[in-house]
PDB file of all heavy atoms in Angstrom:
ATOM      1  N   LEU A   1       3.508  -8.088 -23.930  1.00  0.00           N
ATOM      2  CA  LEU A   1       2.784  -8.864 -22.853  1.00  0.00           C
ATOM      3  C   LEU A   1       1.320  -8.801 -23.073  1.00  0.00           C
ATOM      4  O   LEU A   1       0.765  -7.749 -23.482  1.00  0.00           O
ATOM      5  CB  LEU A   1       3.148  -8.206 -21.449  1.00  0.00           C
ATOM      6  CG  LEU A   1       4.538  -8.384 -20.895  1.00  0.00           C
ATOM      7  CD1 LEU A   1       5.491  -7.382 -21.583  1.00  0.00           C
ATOM      8  CD2 LEU A   1       4.480  -8.123 -19.395  1.00  0.00           C
ATOM      9  N   THR A   2       0.627  -9.841 -22.721  1.00  0.00           N
ATOM     10  CA  THR A   2      -0.804  -9.823 -22.743  1.00  0.00           C
ATOM     11  C   THR A   2      -1.318  -8.995 -21.613  1.00  0.00           C
ATOM     12  O   THR A   2      -0.645  -8.800 -20.626  1.00  0.00           O
ATOM     13  CB  THR A   2      -1.361 -11.243 -22.661  1.00  0.00           C
ATOM     14  OG1 THR A   2      -0.896 -11.908 -21.448  1.00  0.00           O
ATOM     15  CG2 THR A   2      -0.933 -12.144 -23.831  1.00  0.00           C
ATOM     16  N   GLU A   3      -2.545  -8.449 -21.741  1.00  0.00           N
ATOM     17  CA  GLU A   3      -3.106  -7.601 -20.794  1.00  0.00           C
ATOM     18  C   GLU A   3      -3.253  -8.279 -19.439  1.00  0.00           C
ATOM     19  O   GLU A   3      -3.053  -7.594 -18.400  1.00  0.00           O
ATOM     20  CB  GLU A   3      -4.473  -7.135 -21.287  1.00  0.00           C
ATOM     21  CG  GLU A   3      -4.447  -6.089 -22.383  1.00  0.00           C
ATOM     22  CD  GLU A   3      -3.825  -4.800 -21.881  1.00  0.00           C
ATOM     23  OE1 GLU A   3      -3.994  -4.419 -20.694  1.00  0.00           O
ATOM     24  OE2 GLU A   3      -3.128  -4.091 -22.685  1.00  0.00           O
ATOM     25  N   SER A   4      -3.517  -9.570 -19.355  1.00  0.00           N
ATOM     26  CA  SER A   4      -3.699 -10.192 -18.074  1.00  0.00           C
ATOM     27  C   SER A   4      -2.486 -10.307 -17.185  1.00  0.00           C
ATOM     28  O   SER A   4      -2.576 -10.494 -15.994  1.00  0.00           O
ATOM     29  CB  SER A   4      -4.263 -11.622 -18.328  1.00  0.00           C
ATOM     30  OG  SER A   4      -3.334 -12.403 -18.991  1.00  0.00           O
ATOM     31  N   VAL A   5      -1.319 -10.108 -17.847  1.00  0.00           N
ATOM     32  CA  VAL A   5      -0.077 -10.192 -17.015  1.00  0.00           C
ATOM     33  C   VAL A   5       0.718  -8.856 -16.908  1.00  0.00           C
ATOM     34  O   VAL A   5       1.727  -8.808 -16.256  1.00  0.00           O
ATOM     35  CB  VAL A   5       0.844 -11.312 -17.578  1.00  0.00           C
ATOM     36  CG1 VAL A   5       0.124 -12.611 -17.625  1.00  0.00           C
ATOM     37  CG2 VAL A   5       1.362 -10.943 -18.922  1.00  0.00           C
ATOM     38  N   LYS A   6       0.223  -7.830 -17.593  1.00  0.00           N
ATOM     39  CA  LYS A   6       0.941  -6.555 -17.580  1.00  0.00           C
ATOM     40  C   LYS A   6       0.889  -6.076 -16.110  1.00  0.00           C
ATOM     41  O   LYS A   6      -0.094  -6.172 -15.438  1.00  0.00           O
ATOM     42  CB  LYS A   6       0.226  -5.521 -18.411  1.00  0.00           C
ATOM     43  CG  LYS A   6       0.518  -5.703 -19.952  1.00  0.00           C
ATOM     44  CD  LYS A   6      -0.083  -4.655 -20.773  1.00  0.00           C
ATOM     45  CE  LYS A   6       0.192  -4.823 -22.234  1.00  0.00           C
ATOM     46  NZ  LYS A   6      -0.420  -3.770 -23.074  1.00  0.00           N
ATOM     47  N   GLY A   7       2.129  -5.551 -15.665  1.00  0.00           N
ATOM     48  CA  GLY A   7       2.243  -5.098 -14.348  1.00  0.00           C
ATOM     49  C   GLY A   7       2.637  -6.177 -13.314  1.00  0.00           C
ATOM     50  O   GLY A   7       2.989  -5.871 -12.218  1.00  0.00           O
ATOM     51  N   ARG A   8       2.535  -7.422 -13.808  1.00  0.00           N
ATOM     52  CA  ARG A   8       2.892  -8.544 -12.890  1.00  0.00           C
ATOM     53  C   ARG A   8       4.093  -9.392 -13.428  1.00  0.00           C
ATOM     54  O   ARG A   8       4.864  -9.814 -12.673  1.00  0.00           O
ATOM     55  CB  ARG A   8       1.664  -9.448 -12.698  1.00  0.00           C
ATOM     56  CG  ARG A   8       0.483  -8.697 -12.045  1.00  0.00           C
ATOM     57  CD  ARG A   8      -0.642  -9.754 -11.667  1.00  0.00           C
ATOM     58  NE  ARG A   8      -1.175 -10.459 -12.862  1.00  0.00           N
ATOM     59  CZ  ARG A   8      -1.059 -11.801 -12.952  1.00  0.00           C
ATOM     60  NH1 ARG A   8      -0.580 -12.563 -11.966  1.00  0.00           N
ATOM     61  NH2 ARG A   8      -1.544 -12.387 -14.072  1.00  0.00           N
ATOM     62  N   PHE A   9       4.095  -9.567 -14.708  1.00  0.00           N
ATOM     63  CA  PHE A   9       5.164 -10.420 -15.312  1.00  0.00           C
ATOM     64  C   PHE A   9       6.144  -9.524 -16.017  1.00  0.00           C
ATOM     65  O   PHE A   9       5.784  -8.502 -16.611  1.00  0.00           O
ATOM     66  CB  PHE A   9       4.531 -11.415 -16.278  1.00  0.00           C
ATOM     67  CG  PHE A   9       3.707 -12.481 -15.732  1.00  0.00           C
ATOM     68  CD1 PHE A   9       3.363 -12.489 -14.371  1.00  0.00           C
ATOM     69  CD2 PHE A   9       3.351 -13.572 -16.470  1.00  0.00           C
ATOM     70  CE1 PHE A   9       2.616 -13.488 -13.811  1.00  0.00           C
ATOM     71  CE2 PHE A   9       2.621 -14.586 -15.900  1.00  0.00           C
ATOM     72  CZ  PHE A   9       2.235 -14.532 -14.572  1.00  0.00           C
ATOM     73  N   THR A  10       7.332  -9.989 -16.069  1.00  0.00           N
ATOM     74  CA  THR A  10       8.470  -9.321 -16.786  1.00  0.00           C
ATOM     75  C   THR A  10       9.236 -10.334 -17.528  1.00  0.00           C
ATOM     76  O   THR A  10       9.693 -11.327 -16.935  1.00  0.00           O
ATOM     77  CB  THR A  10       9.337  -8.462 -15.880  1.00  0.00           C
ATOM     78  OG1 THR A  10       8.564  -7.526 -15.122  1.00  0.00           O
ATOM     79  CG2 THR A  10      10.438  -7.738 -16.704  1.00  0.00           C
ATOM     80  N   VAL A  11       9.501 -10.089 -18.786  1.00  0.00           N
ATOM     81  CA  VAL A  11      10.299 -11.062 -19.526  1.00  0.00           C
ATOM     82  C   VAL A  11      11.609 -10.375 -19.866  1.00  0.00           C
ATOM     83  O   VAL A  11      11.665  -9.182 -20.190  1.00  0.00           O
ATOM     84  CB  VAL A  11       9.619 -11.496 -20.856  1.00  0.00           C
ATOM     85  CG1 VAL A  11       9.266 -10.346 -21.767  1.00  0.00           C
ATOM     86  CG2 VAL A  11      10.417 -12.555 -21.529  1.00  0.00           C
ATOM     87  N   SER A  12      12.680 -11.091 -19.812  1.00  0.00           N
ATOM     88  CA  SER A  12      14.023 -10.557 -20.077  1.00  0.00           C
ATOM     89  C   SER A  12      14.894 -11.610 -20.701  1.00  0.00           C
ATOM     90  O   SER A  12      14.549 -12.781 -20.758  1.00  0.00           O
ATOM     91  CB  SER A  12      14.658 -10.004 -18.801  1.00  0.00           C
ATOM     92  OG  SER A  12      14.860 -11.015 -17.837  1.00  0.00           O
ATOM     93  N   ARG A  13      16.075 -11.218 -21.099  1.00  0.00           N
ATOM     94  CA  ARG A  13      17.002 -12.130 -21.719  1.00  0.00           C
ATOM     95  C   ARG A  13      18.377 -11.884 -21.269  1.00  0.00           C
ATOM     96  O   ARG A  13      18.772 -10.766 -20.854  1.00  0.00           O
ATOM     97  CB  ARG A  13      16.879 -12.111 -23.262  1.00  0.00           C
ATOM     98  CG  ARG A  13      17.638 -10.862 -23.846  1.00  0.00           C
ATOM     99  CD  ARG A  13      17.073 -10.525 -25.207  1.00  0.00           C
ATOM    100  NE  ARG A  13      17.946  -9.620 -25.945  1.00  0.00           N
ATOM    101  CZ  ARG A  13      18.041  -8.313 -25.668  1.00  0.00           C
ATOM    102  NH1 ARG A  13      17.343  -7.761 -24.698  1.00  0.00           N
ATOM    103  NH2 ARG A  13      18.810  -7.506 -26.409  1.00  0.00           N
ATOM    104  N   ASP A  14      19.230 -12.933 -21.337  1.00  0.00           N
ATOM    105  CA  ASP A  14      20.690 -12.801 -21.068  1.00  0.00           C
ATOM    106  C   ASP A  14      21.344 -13.324 -22.282  1.00  0.00           C
ATOM    107  O   ASP A  14      21.434 -14.471 -22.540  1.00  0.00           O
ATOM    108  CB  ASP A  14      21.028 -13.678 -19.788  1.00  0.00           C
ATOM    109  CG  ASP A  14      22.466 -13.465 -19.447  1.00  0.00           C
ATOM    110  OD1 ASP A  14      23.308 -13.186 -20.259  1.00  0.00           O
ATOM    111  OD2 ASP A  14      22.753 -13.621 -18.189  1.00  0.00           O
ATOM    112  N   ILE A  15      21.835 -12.388 -23.098  1.00  0.00           N
ATOM    113  CA  ILE A  15      22.410 -12.750 -24.363  1.00  0.00           C
ATOM    114  C   ILE A  15      23.641 -13.712 -24.299  1.00  0.00           C
ATOM    115  O   ILE A  15      23.640 -14.712 -24.995  1.00  0.00           O
ATOM    116  CB  ILE A  15      22.746 -11.469 -25.157  1.00  0.00           C
ATOM    117  CG1 ILE A  15      21.511 -10.659 -25.463  1.00  0.00           C
ATOM    118  CG2 ILE A  15      23.453 -11.795 -26.429  1.00  0.00           C
ATOM    119  CD1 ILE A  15      21.701  -9.409 -26.197  1.00  0.00           C
ATOM    120  N   PRO A  16      24.607 -13.403 -23.415  1.00  0.00           N
ATOM    121  CA  PRO A  16      25.778 -14.330 -23.383  1.00  0.00           C
ATOM    122  C   PRO A  16      25.360 -15.773 -22.987  1.00  0.00           C
ATOM    123  O   PRO A  16      26.021 -16.684 -23.414  1.00  0.00           O
ATOM    124  CB  PRO A  16      26.689 -13.685 -22.388  1.00  0.00           C
ATOM    125  CG  PRO A  16      26.320 -12.211 -22.440  1.00  0.00           C
ATOM    126  CD  PRO A  16      24.824 -12.234 -22.653  1.00  0.00           C
ATOM    127  N   LYS A  17      24.303 -15.903 -22.153  1.00  0.00           N
ATOM    128  CA  LYS A  17      23.921 -17.214 -21.707  1.00  0.00           C
ATOM    129  C   LYS A  17      22.832 -17.853 -22.545  1.00  0.00           C
ATOM    130  O   LYS A  17      22.473 -19.012 -22.251  1.00  0.00           O
ATOM    131  CB  LYS A  17      23.442 -17.132 -20.227  1.00  0.00           C
ATOM    132  CG  LYS A  17      24.551 -16.742 -19.285  1.00  0.00           C
ATOM    133  CD  LYS A  17      24.016 -16.696 -17.876  1.00  0.00           C
ATOM    134  CE  LYS A  17      25.080 -16.299 -16.850  1.00  0.00           C
ATOM    135  NZ  LYS A  17      24.555 -16.296 -15.444  1.00  0.00           N
ATOM    136  N   ASN A  18      22.321 -17.135 -23.509  1.00  0.00           N
ATOM    137  CA  ASN A  18      21.194 -17.650 -24.308  1.00  0.00           C
ATOM    138  C   ASN A  18      20.036 -18.083 -23.461  1.00  0.00           C
ATOM    139  O   ASN A  18      19.455 -19.128 -23.654  1.00  0.00           O
ATOM    140  CB  ASN A  18      21.666 -18.824 -25.264  1.00  0.00           C
ATOM    141  CG  ASN A  18      21.922 -18.490 -26.620  1.00  0.00           C
ATOM    142  OD1 ASN A  18      22.306 -17.325 -26.932  1.00  0.00           O
ATOM    143  ND2 ASN A  18      21.730 -19.401 -27.529  1.00  0.00           N
ATOM    144  N   MET A  19      19.724 -17.195 -22.487  1.00  0.00           N
ATOM    145  CA  MET A  19      18.642 -17.498 -21.584  1.00  0.00           C
ATOM    146  C   MET A  19      17.529 -16.497 -21.689  1.00  0.00           C
ATOM    147  O   MET A  19      17.792 -15.318 -21.947  1.00  0.00           O
ATOM    148  CB  MET A  19      19.184 -17.513 -20.100  1.00  0.00           C
ATOM    149  CG  MET A  19      20.284 -18.581 -19.841  1.00  0.00           C
ATOM    150  SD  MET A  19      19.477 -20.184 -19.656  1.00  0.00           S
ATOM    151  CE  MET A  19      18.702 -19.984 -18.039  1.00  0.00           C
ATOM    152  N   VAL A  20      16.314 -16.937 -21.452  1.00  0.00           N
ATOM    153  CA  VAL A  20      15.202 -16.088 -21.380  1.00  0.00           C
ATOM    154  C   VAL A  20      14.509 -16.331 -20.044  1.00  0.00           C
ATOM    155  O   VAL A  20      14.411 -17.491 -19.562  1.00  0.00           O
ATOM    156  CB  VAL A  20      14.162 -16.395 -22.459  1.00  0.00           C
ATOM    157  CG1 VAL A  20      12.942 -15.478 -22.383  1.00  0.00           C
ATOM    158  CG2 VAL A  20      14.814 -16.182 -23.845  1.00  0.00           C
ATOM    159  N   TYR A  21      14.110 -15.243 -19.421  1.00  0.00           N
ATOM    160  CA  TYR A  21      13.509 -15.369 -18.088  1.00  0.00           C
ATOM    161  C   TYR A  21      12.153 -14.776 -18.068  1.00  0.00           C
ATOM    162  O   TYR A  21      11.858 -13.801 -18.779  1.00  0.00           O
ATOM    163  CB  TYR A  21      14.353 -14.602 -17.083  1.00  0.00           C
ATOM    164  CG  TYR A  21      15.795 -15.037 -17.016  1.00  0.00           C
ATOM    165  CD1 TYR A  21      16.784 -14.328 -17.615  1.00  0.00           C
ATOM    166  CD2 TYR A  21      16.140 -16.216 -16.327  1.00  0.00           C
ATOM    167  CE1 TYR A  21      18.146 -14.756 -17.540  1.00  0.00           C
ATOM    168  CE2 TYR A  21      17.488 -16.618 -16.304  1.00  0.00           C
ATOM    169  CZ  TYR A  21      18.445 -15.936 -16.918  1.00  0.00           C
ATOM    170  OH  TYR A  21      19.797 -16.316 -16.847  1.00  0.00           O
ATOM    171  N   LEU A  22      11.307 -15.353 -17.237  1.00  0.00           N
ATOM    172  CA  LEU A  22       9.972 -14.783 -17.032  1.00  0.00           C
ATOM    173  C   LEU A  22       9.784 -14.662 -15.467  1.00  0.00           C
ATOM    174  O   LEU A  22       9.676 -15.608 -14.751  1.00  0.00           O
ATOM    175  CB  LEU A  22       8.880 -15.748 -17.556  1.00  0.00           C
ATOM    176  CG  LEU A  22       7.445 -15.292 -17.362  1.00  0.00           C
ATOM    177  CD1 LEU A  22       7.219 -13.983 -18.146  1.00  0.00           C
ATOM    178  CD2 LEU A  22       6.463 -16.314 -17.814  1.00  0.00           C
ATOM    179  N   GLN A  23       9.846 -13.390 -15.109  1.00  0.00           N
ATOM    180  CA  GLN A  23       9.685 -13.028 -13.689  1.00  0.00           C
ATOM    181  C   GLN A  23       8.100 -12.872 -13.474  1.00  0.00           C
ATOM    182  O   GLN A  23       7.523 -12.020 -14.102  1.00  0.00           O
ATOM    183  CB  GLN A  23      10.400 -11.793 -13.310  1.00  0.00           C
ATOM    184  CG  GLN A  23      10.212 -11.369 -11.801  1.00  0.00           C
ATOM    185  CD  GLN A  23      10.793 -12.332 -10.899  1.00  0.00           C
ATOM    186  OE1 GLN A  23      11.916 -12.772 -11.044  1.00  0.00           O
ATOM    187  NE2 GLN A  23      10.027 -12.665  -9.878  1.00  0.00           N
ATOM    188  N   MET A  24       7.572 -13.692 -12.589  1.00  0.00           N
ATOM    189  CA  MET A  24       6.137 -13.646 -12.304  1.00  0.00           C
ATOM    190  C   MET A  24       5.868 -13.220 -10.908  1.00  0.00           C
ATOM    191  O   MET A  24       6.256 -13.940  -9.921  1.00  0.00           O
ATOM    192  CB  MET A  24       5.541 -15.004 -12.613  1.00  0.00           C
ATOM    193  CG  MET A  24       5.830 -15.552 -14.023  1.00  0.00           C
ATOM    194  SD  MET A  24       4.997 -17.147 -14.300  1.00  0.00           S
ATOM    195  CE  MET A  24       5.913 -18.164 -13.162  1.00  0.00           C
ATOM    196  N   ASN A  25       5.298 -12.128 -10.691  1.00  0.00           N
ATOM    197  CA  ASN A  25       4.876 -11.642  -9.471  1.00  0.00           C
ATOM    198  C   ASN A  25       3.396 -11.564  -9.266  1.00  0.00           C
ATOM    199  O   ASN A  25       2.651 -11.628 -10.239  1.00  0.00           O
ATOM    200  CB  ASN A  25       5.483 -10.158  -9.196  1.00  0.00           C
ATOM    201  CG  ASN A  25       6.955 -10.154  -9.318  1.00  0.00           C
ATOM    202  OD1 ASN A  25       7.673 -11.015  -8.896  1.00  0.00           O
ATOM    203  ND2 ASN A  25       7.521  -9.054  -9.882  1.00  0.00           N
ATOM    204  N   SER A  26       2.972 -11.445  -8.054  1.00  0.00           N
ATOM    205  CA  SER A  26       1.511 -11.380  -7.729  1.00  0.00           C
ATOM    206  C   SER A  26       0.734 -12.505  -8.436  1.00  0.00           C
ATOM    207  O   SER A  26      -0.344 -12.325  -9.046  1.00  0.00           O
ATOM    208  CB  SER A  26       0.963 -10.004  -8.195  1.00  0.00           C
ATOM    209  OG  SER A  26       1.591  -8.971  -7.493  1.00  0.00           O
ATOM    210  N   LEU A  27       1.299 -13.721  -8.312  1.00  0.00           N
ATOM    211  CA  LEU A  27       0.620 -14.872  -8.963  1.00  0.00           C
ATOM    212  C   LEU A  27      -0.787 -15.098  -8.308  1.00  0.00           C
ATOM    213  O   LEU A  27      -0.921 -14.954  -7.112  1.00  0.00           O
ATOM    214  CB  LEU A  27       1.533 -16.071  -8.832  1.00  0.00           C
ATOM    215  CG  LEU A  27       2.744 -16.079  -9.763  1.00  0.00           C
ATOM    216  CD1 LEU A  27       3.715 -17.200  -9.287  1.00  0.00           C
ATOM    217  CD2 LEU A  27       2.340 -16.370 -11.199  1.00  0.00           C
ATOM    218  N   ASN A  28      -1.645 -15.499  -9.138  1.00  0.00           N
ATOM    219  CA  ASN A  28      -2.999 -15.895  -8.669  1.00  0.00           C
ATOM    220  C   ASN A  28      -3.367 -17.229  -9.257  1.00  0.00           C
ATOM    221  O   ASN A  28      -2.697 -17.727 -10.205  1.00  0.00           O
ATOM    222  CB  ASN A  28      -4.008 -14.798  -8.986  1.00  0.00           C
ATOM    223  CG  ASN A  28      -4.119 -14.501 -10.497  1.00  0.00           C
ATOM    224  OD1 ASN A  28      -4.456 -15.401 -11.313  1.00  0.00           O
ATOM    225  ND2 ASN A  28      -3.845 -13.271 -10.903  1.00  0.00           N
TER     226      ASN A  28
END
């Protein structure tokens, strides 16, 4: 993660679904 989003964004994946997610909190 880049420094500007650390602590706010989380990236994850769902292997069976071939999906990537980006959870974004505390958006500005």
